[in-house]
Amino acid sequence: MEYVVIAFLCLGILLYFLLGGADFGAGIIELFTSTKNRSRTRKTMYQAIGPVWEANHMWLIIAIVILFVGFPHIYTTMSVYLHIPLLIMLIGIIARGTAFVFRHYDAIKDDMQWL
């Protein structure tokens, strides 16, 4: 039974990395796009990843829940010893989502989108 839980845990993590390619790739493309093509590239990326960008974190949450339910001792050990990196990861996920929403869905177009 443990191997079934491990298989689902690995599947959740694998799906997070595979389906997160759109998110991670969009960030890299935006970072290295020339200033001349930046607005067109952003518009294309937002239309491409808009429907799926937040749903990808579901796989990470599923993996954490599987780890919590299937292996509570390992989950406890990891969350105690890695609480600072986990906190930084959660803050990063929240800040990234918030920045995307404020930049893309802001009612007033001003310099705040750049910030």
N, C-alpha and C. Protein backbone atom coordinates (compact mmCIF):
# COMPACT_ATOMS: atom_id res chain seq x y z
N MET A 1 0.81 -1.20 0.00
CA MET A 1 0.00 0.00 0.00
C MET A 1 0.86 1.27 0.00
N GLU A 2 2.01 1.18 0.65
CA GLU A 2 2.90 2.34 0.68
C GLU A 2 3.38 2.72 -0.71
N TYR A 3 3.58 1.72 -1.55
CA TYR A 3 4.07 2.00 -2.90
C TYR A 3 3.02 2.71 -3.75
N VAL A 4 1.76 2.43 -3.49
CA VAL A 4 0.69 3.12 -4.20
C VAL A 4 0.67 4.60 -3.80
N VAL A 5 0.83 4.87 -2.52
CA VAL A 5 0.88 6.25 -2.04
C VAL A 5 2.09 6.97 -2.61
N ILE A 6 3.24 6.30 -2.63
CA ILE A 6 4.45 6.90 -3.20
C ILE A 6 4.26 7.17 -4.69
N ALA A 7 3.60 6.25 -5.39
CA ALA A 7 3.36 6.45 -6.82
C ALA A 7 2.49 7.68 -7.07
N PHE A 8 1.43 7.86 -6.28
CA PHE A 8 0.58 9.04 -6.44
C PHE A 8 1.30 10.32 -6.04
N LEU A 9 2.16 10.23 -5.03
CA LEU A 9 2.96 11.39 -4.63
C LEU A 9 3.91 11.80 -5.75
N CYS A 10 4.58 10.82 -6.34
CA CYS A 10 5.49 11.12 -7.45
C CYS A 10 4.72 11.64 -8.67
N LEU A 11 3.53 11.09 -8.90
CA LEU A 11 2.72 11.55 -10.03
C LEU A 11 2.30 13.00 -9.83
N GLY A 12 1.91 13.37 -8.61
CA GLY A 12 1.54 14.75 -8.34
C GLY A 12 2.69 15.72 -8.55
N ILE A 13 3.88 15.34 -8.08
CA ILE A 13 5.06 16.20 -8.25
C ILE A 13 5.45 16.28 -9.73
N LEU A 14 5.39 15.15 -10.44
CA LEU A 14 5.71 15.15 -11.86
C LEU A 14 4.75 16.02 -12.65
N LEU A 15 3.46 15.93 -12.35
CA LEU A 15 2.48 16.77 -13.05
C LEU A 15 2.69 18.25 -12.73
N TYR A 16 3.10 18.55 -11.50
CA TYR A 16 3.39 19.95 -11.16
C TYR A 16 4.52 20.48 -12.03
N PHE A 17 5.58 19.71 -12.18
CA PHE A 17 6.71 20.20 -12.98
C PHE A 17 6.41 20.20 -14.47
N LEU A 18 5.68 19.21 -14.96
CA LEU A 18 5.38 19.17 -16.39
C LEU A 18 4.38 20.26 -16.79
N LEU A 19 3.31 20.40 -16.03
CA LEU A 19 2.31 21.40 -16.37
C LEU A 19 2.72 22.80 -15.96
N GLY A 20 3.71 22.90 -15.09
CA GLY A 20 4.22 24.21 -14.71
C GLY A 20 5.17 24.79 -15.73
N GLY A 21 5.46 24.04 -16.76
CA GLY A 21 6.35 24.54 -17.80
C GLY A 21 5.85 25.81 -18.45
N ALA A 22 4.54 25.93 -18.57
CA ALA A 22 3.98 27.16 -19.15
C ALA A 22 4.25 28.34 -18.23
N ASP A 23 4.06 28.15 -16.93
CA ASP A 23 4.32 29.23 -15.98
C ASP A 23 5.79 29.61 -15.95
N PHE A 24 6.63 28.60 -15.79
CA PHE A 24 8.07 28.87 -15.68
C PHE A 24 8.62 29.42 -16.99
N GLY A 25 8.17 28.87 -18.10
CA GLY A 25 8.63 29.34 -19.40
C GLY A 25 8.20 30.77 -19.68
N ALA A 26 6.98 31.11 -19.27
CA ALA A 26 6.50 32.48 -19.48
C ALA A 26 7.35 33.47 -18.68
N GLY A 27 7.74 33.10 -17.49
CA GLY A 27 8.59 33.98 -16.69
C GLY A 27 9.96 34.17 -17.32
N ILE A 28 10.53 33.10 -17.85
CA ILE A 28 11.85 33.19 -18.50
C ILE A 28 11.75 34.01 -19.79
N ILE A 29 10.71 33.78 -20.56
CA ILE A 29 10.54 34.54 -21.81
C ILE A 29 10.38 36.03 -21.51
N GLU A 30 9.59 36.34 -20.48
CA GLU A 30 9.39 37.75 -20.14
C GLU A 30 10.69 38.39 -19.67
N LEU A 31 11.51 37.62 -18.99
CA LEU A 31 12.78 38.15 -18.48
C LEU A 31 13.75 38.48 -19.61
N PHE A 32 13.77 37.66 -20.66
CA PHE A 32 14.75 37.84 -21.72
C PHE A 32 14.19 38.45 -23.00
N THR A 33 12.99 38.96 -22.98
CA THR A 33 12.41 39.60 -24.16
C THR A 33 12.98 41.00 -24.33
N SER A 34 13.21 41.37 -25.56
CA SER A 34 13.73 42.72 -25.82
C SER A 34 12.66 43.76 -25.51
N THR A 35 13.09 44.97 -25.26
CA THR A 35 12.15 46.03 -24.90
C THR A 35 11.22 46.37 -26.07
N LYS A 36 11.67 46.14 -27.27
CA LYS A 36 10.87 46.44 -28.45
C LYS A 36 9.65 45.52 -28.54
N ASN A 37 9.80 44.27 -28.19
CA ASN A 37 8.72 43.28 -28.32
C ASN A 37 8.04 42.95 -26.99
N ARG A 38 8.38 43.65 -25.94
CA ARG A 38 7.90 43.28 -24.61
C ARG A 38 6.38 43.32 -24.48
N SER A 39 5.73 44.35 -24.97
CA SER A 39 4.26 44.44 -24.80
C SER A 39 3.54 43.35 -25.59
N ARG A 40 4.00 43.06 -26.78
CA ARG A 40 3.37 42.01 -27.59
C ARG A 40 3.60 40.63 -26.96
N THR A 41 4.80 40.42 -26.44
CA THR A 41 5.10 39.14 -25.80
C THR A 41 4.26 38.95 -24.54
N ARG A 42 4.14 39.98 -23.72
CA ARG A 42 3.33 39.89 -22.50
C ARG A 42 1.87 39.59 -22.84
N LYS A 43 1.34 40.27 -23.83
CA LYS A 43 -0.06 40.06 -24.20
C LYS A 43 -0.28 38.61 -24.64
N THR A 44 0.63 38.10 -25.45
CA THR A 44 0.53 36.71 -25.92
C THR A 44 0.65 35.72 -24.77
N MET A 45 1.61 35.98 -23.86
CA MET A 45 1.79 35.07 -22.72
C MET A 45 0.60 35.08 -21.79
N TYR A 46 0.05 36.24 -21.51
CA TYR A 46 -1.10 36.32 -20.61
C TYR A 46 -2.31 35.60 -21.19
N GLN A 47 -2.50 35.70 -22.49
CA GLN A 47 -3.61 34.98 -23.11
C GLN A 47 -3.36 33.47 -23.10
N ALA A 48 -2.11 33.07 -23.21
CA ALA A 48 -1.80 31.64 -23.25
C ALA A 48 -1.89 30.98 -21.87
N ILE A 49 -1.33 31.62 -20.84
CA ILE A 49 -1.32 30.98 -19.53
C ILE A 49 -2.44 31.46 -18.62
N GLY A 50 -3.21 32.42 -19.05
CA GLY A 50 -4.27 32.98 -18.20
C GLY A 50 -5.22 31.95 -17.64
N PRO A 51 -5.75 31.03 -18.45
CA PRO A 51 -6.71 30.07 -17.91
C PRO A 51 -6.11 29.00 -17.01
N VAL A 52 -4.81 28.74 -17.09
CA VAL A 52 -4.24 27.59 -16.38
C VAL A 52 -3.18 27.94 -15.36
N TRP A 53 -2.80 29.20 -15.21
CA TRP A 53 -1.63 29.52 -14.40
C TRP A 53 -1.84 29.22 -12.94
N GLU A 54 -3.00 29.43 -12.40
CA GLU A 54 -3.22 29.17 -10.98
C GLU A 54 -3.59 27.72 -10.71
N ALA A 55 -4.16 27.04 -11.67
CA ALA A 55 -4.56 25.65 -11.47
C ALA A 55 -3.37 24.73 -11.31
N ASN A 56 -2.21 25.15 -11.76
CA ASN A 56 -1.03 24.31 -11.65
C ASN A 56 -0.62 24.09 -10.19
N HIS A 57 -0.89 25.04 -9.32
CA HIS A 57 -0.52 24.87 -7.91
C HIS A 57 -1.36 23.79 -7.23
N MET A 58 -2.43 23.39 -7.86
CA MET A 58 -3.26 22.31 -7.32
C MET A 58 -2.45 21.03 -7.17
N TRP A 59 -1.55 20.75 -8.12
CA TRP A 59 -0.74 19.53 -8.05
C TRP A 59 0.22 19.57 -6.87
N LEU A 60 0.74 20.74 -6.58
CA LEU A 60 1.62 20.88 -5.42
C LEU A 60 0.84 20.67 -4.12
N ILE A 61 -0.36 21.21 -4.05
CA ILE A 61 -1.19 21.03 -2.86
C ILE A 61 -1.58 19.56 -2.70
N ILE A 62 -1.90 18.88 -3.81
CA ILE A 62 -2.23 17.46 -3.75
C ILE A 62 -1.05 16.65 -3.24
N ALA A 63 0.16 16.97 -3.70
CA ALA A 63 1.35 16.26 -3.23
C ALA A 63 1.57 16.47 -1.73
N ILE A 64 1.34 17.68 -1.25
CA ILE A 64 1.51 17.95 0.18
C ILE A 64 0.46 17.19 0.99
N VAL A 65 -0.77 17.15 0.51
CA VAL A 65 -1.83 16.42 1.23
C VAL A 65 -1.55 14.92 1.22
N ILE A 66 -1.07 14.38 0.11
CA ILE A 66 -0.72 12.96 0.05
C ILE A 66 0.41 12.66 1.03
N LEU A 67 1.40 13.53 1.09
CA LEU A 67 2.49 13.33 2.03
C LEU A 67 1.99 13.41 3.47
N PHE A 68 1.09 14.35 3.76
CA PHE A 68 0.53 14.51 5.10
C PHE A 68 -0.29 13.29 5.52
N VAL A 69 -1.13 12.78 4.62
CA VAL A 69 -2.01 11.65 4.94
C VAL A 69 -1.25 10.33 4.91
N GLY A 70 -0.40 10.14 3.91
CA GLY A 70 0.27 8.86 3.74
C GLY A 70 1.46 8.65 4.66
N PHE A 71 2.21 9.71 4.92
CA PHE A 71 3.42 9.60 5.74
C PHE A 71 3.48 10.75 6.73
N PRO A 72 2.67 10.71 7.79
CA PRO A 72 2.62 11.85 8.71
C PRO A 72 3.93 12.11 9.46
N HIS A 73 4.70 11.06 9.75
CA HIS A 73 5.96 11.27 10.47
C HIS A 73 6.96 12.01 9.57
N ILE A 74 7.04 11.64 8.31
CA ILE A 74 7.95 12.32 7.38
C ILE A 74 7.48 13.76 7.16
N TYR A 75 6.16 13.96 7.03
CA TYR A 75 5.62 15.30 6.86
C TYR A 75 5.96 16.18 8.06
N THR A 76 5.80 15.63 9.26
CA THR A 76 6.11 16.39 10.48
C THR A 76 7.58 16.77 10.52
N THR A 77 8.44 15.82 10.23
CA THR A 77 9.88 16.08 10.24
C THR A 77 10.26 17.15 9.21
N MET A 78 9.72 17.02 8.00
CA MET A 78 10.03 18.00 6.96
C MET A 78 9.51 19.39 7.31
N SER A 79 8.28 19.45 7.83
CA SER A 79 7.72 20.76 8.13
C SER A 79 8.39 21.44 9.32
N VAL A 80 8.96 20.65 10.23
CA VAL A 80 9.67 21.25 11.36
C VAL A 80 11.04 21.75 10.93
N TYR A 81 11.79 20.92 10.21
CA TYR A 81 13.15 21.30 9.86
C TYR A 81 13.23 22.22 8.65
N LEU A 82 12.22 22.21 7.81
CA LEU A 82 12.24 23.05 6.61
C LEU A 82 11.18 24.14 6.66
N HIS A 83 10.83 24.61 7.85
CA HIS A 83 9.75 25.58 7.93
C HIS A 83 10.10 26.93 7.29
N ILE A 84 11.35 27.34 7.34
CA ILE A 84 11.72 28.62 6.72
C ILE A 84 11.68 28.52 5.18
N PRO A 85 12.28 27.49 4.55
CA PRO A 85 12.13 27.40 3.09
C PRO A 85 10.68 27.20 2.64
N LEU A 86 9.88 26.45 3.41
CA LEU A 86 8.48 26.29 3.05
C LEU A 86 7.72 27.60 3.16
N LEU A 87 8.03 28.40 4.17
CA LEU A 87 7.39 29.70 4.32
C LEU A 87 7.77 30.63 3.17
N ILE A 88 9.04 30.62 2.79
CA ILE A 88 9.49 31.45 1.66
C ILE A 88 8.81 31.00 0.37
N MET A 89 8.65 29.68 0.19
CA MET A 89 7.97 29.16 -1.00
C MET A 89 6.51 29.61 -1.03
N LEU A 90 5.82 29.52 0.09
CA LEU A 90 4.41 29.93 0.14
C LEU A 90 4.25 31.43 -0.10
N ILE A 91 5.14 32.23 0.48
CA ILE A 91 5.09 33.68 0.25
C ILE A 91 5.34 33.98 -1.23
N GLY A 92 6.29 33.26 -1.84
CA GLY A 92 6.57 33.45 -3.26
C GLY A 92 5.39 33.10 -4.15
N ILE A 93 4.70 32.01 -3.84
CA ILE A 93 3.53 31.61 -4.63
C ILE A 93 2.43 32.67 -4.51
N ILE A 94 2.21 33.15 -3.29
CA ILE A 94 1.17 34.16 -3.07
C ILE A 94 1.55 35.48 -3.76
N ALA A 95 2.81 35.91 -3.61
CA ALA A 95 3.24 37.17 -4.21
C ALA A 95 3.20 37.10 -5.74
N ARG A 96 3.57 35.96 -6.30
CA ARG A 96 3.54 35.82 -7.75
C ARG A 96 2.12 35.90 -8.29
N GLY A 97 1.21 35.20 -7.64
CA GLY A 97 -0.18 35.25 -8.07
C GLY A 97 -0.79 36.63 -7.92
N THR A 98 -0.47 37.28 -6.82
CA THR A 98 -0.98 38.63 -6.59
C THR A 98 -0.44 39.60 -7.62
N ALA A 99 0.85 39.51 -7.91
CA ALA A 99 1.45 40.40 -8.90
C ALA A 99 0.85 40.18 -10.29
N PHE A 100 0.62 38.92 -10.63
CA PHE A 100 0.02 38.62 -11.94
C PHE A 100 -1.37 39.22 -12.04
N VAL A 101 -2.17 39.05 -11.01
CA VAL A 101 -3.53 39.57 -11.04
C VAL A 101 -3.54 41.09 -11.09
N PHE A 102 -2.73 41.74 -10.26
CA PHE A 102 -2.73 43.20 -10.26
C PHE A 102 -2.17 43.77 -11.56
N ARG A 103 -1.23 43.10 -12.17
CA ARG A 103 -0.66 43.63 -13.41
C ARG A 103 -1.61 43.42 -14.58
N HIS A 104 -2.30 42.29 -14.58
CA HIS A 104 -3.12 41.96 -15.74
C HIS A 104 -4.55 42.50 -15.64
N TYR A 105 -5.12 42.53 -14.45
CA TYR A 105 -6.52 42.90 -14.31
C TYR A 105 -6.73 44.24 -13.63
N ASP A 106 -5.73 45.08 -13.59
CA ASP A 106 -5.86 46.39 -12.97
C ASP A 106 -6.79 47.26 -13.81
N ALA A 107 -7.68 47.99 -13.15
CA ALA A 107 -8.66 48.81 -13.87
C ALA A 107 -8.04 50.05 -14.49
N ILE A 108 -7.02 50.60 -13.84
CA ILE A 108 -6.38 51.82 -14.32
C ILE A 108 -5.00 51.46 -14.84
N LYS A 109 -4.73 51.78 -16.09
CA LYS A 109 -3.42 51.51 -16.67
C LYS A 109 -2.47 52.65 -16.36
N ASP A 110 -1.53 52.42 -15.44
CA ASP A 110 -0.55 53.43 -15.06
C ASP A 110 0.78 52.74 -14.82
N ASP A 111 1.69 53.40 -14.12
CA ASP A 111 3.01 52.83 -13.89
C ASP A 111 3.04 51.69 -12.88
N MET A 112 1.94 51.42 -12.21
CA MET A 112 1.91 50.33 -11.22
C MET A 112 2.05 48.97 -11.88
N GLN A 113 1.64 48.80 -13.14
CA GLN A 113 1.82 47.54 -13.81
C GLN A 113 3.31 47.23 -13.98
N TRP A 114 4.10 48.25 -14.23
CA TRP A 114 5.53 48.05 -14.37
C TRP A 114 6.14 47.62 -13.04
N LEU A 115 5.70 48.27 -11.95
CA LEU A 115 6.23 47.96 -10.63
C LEU A 115 5.91 46.54 -10.24
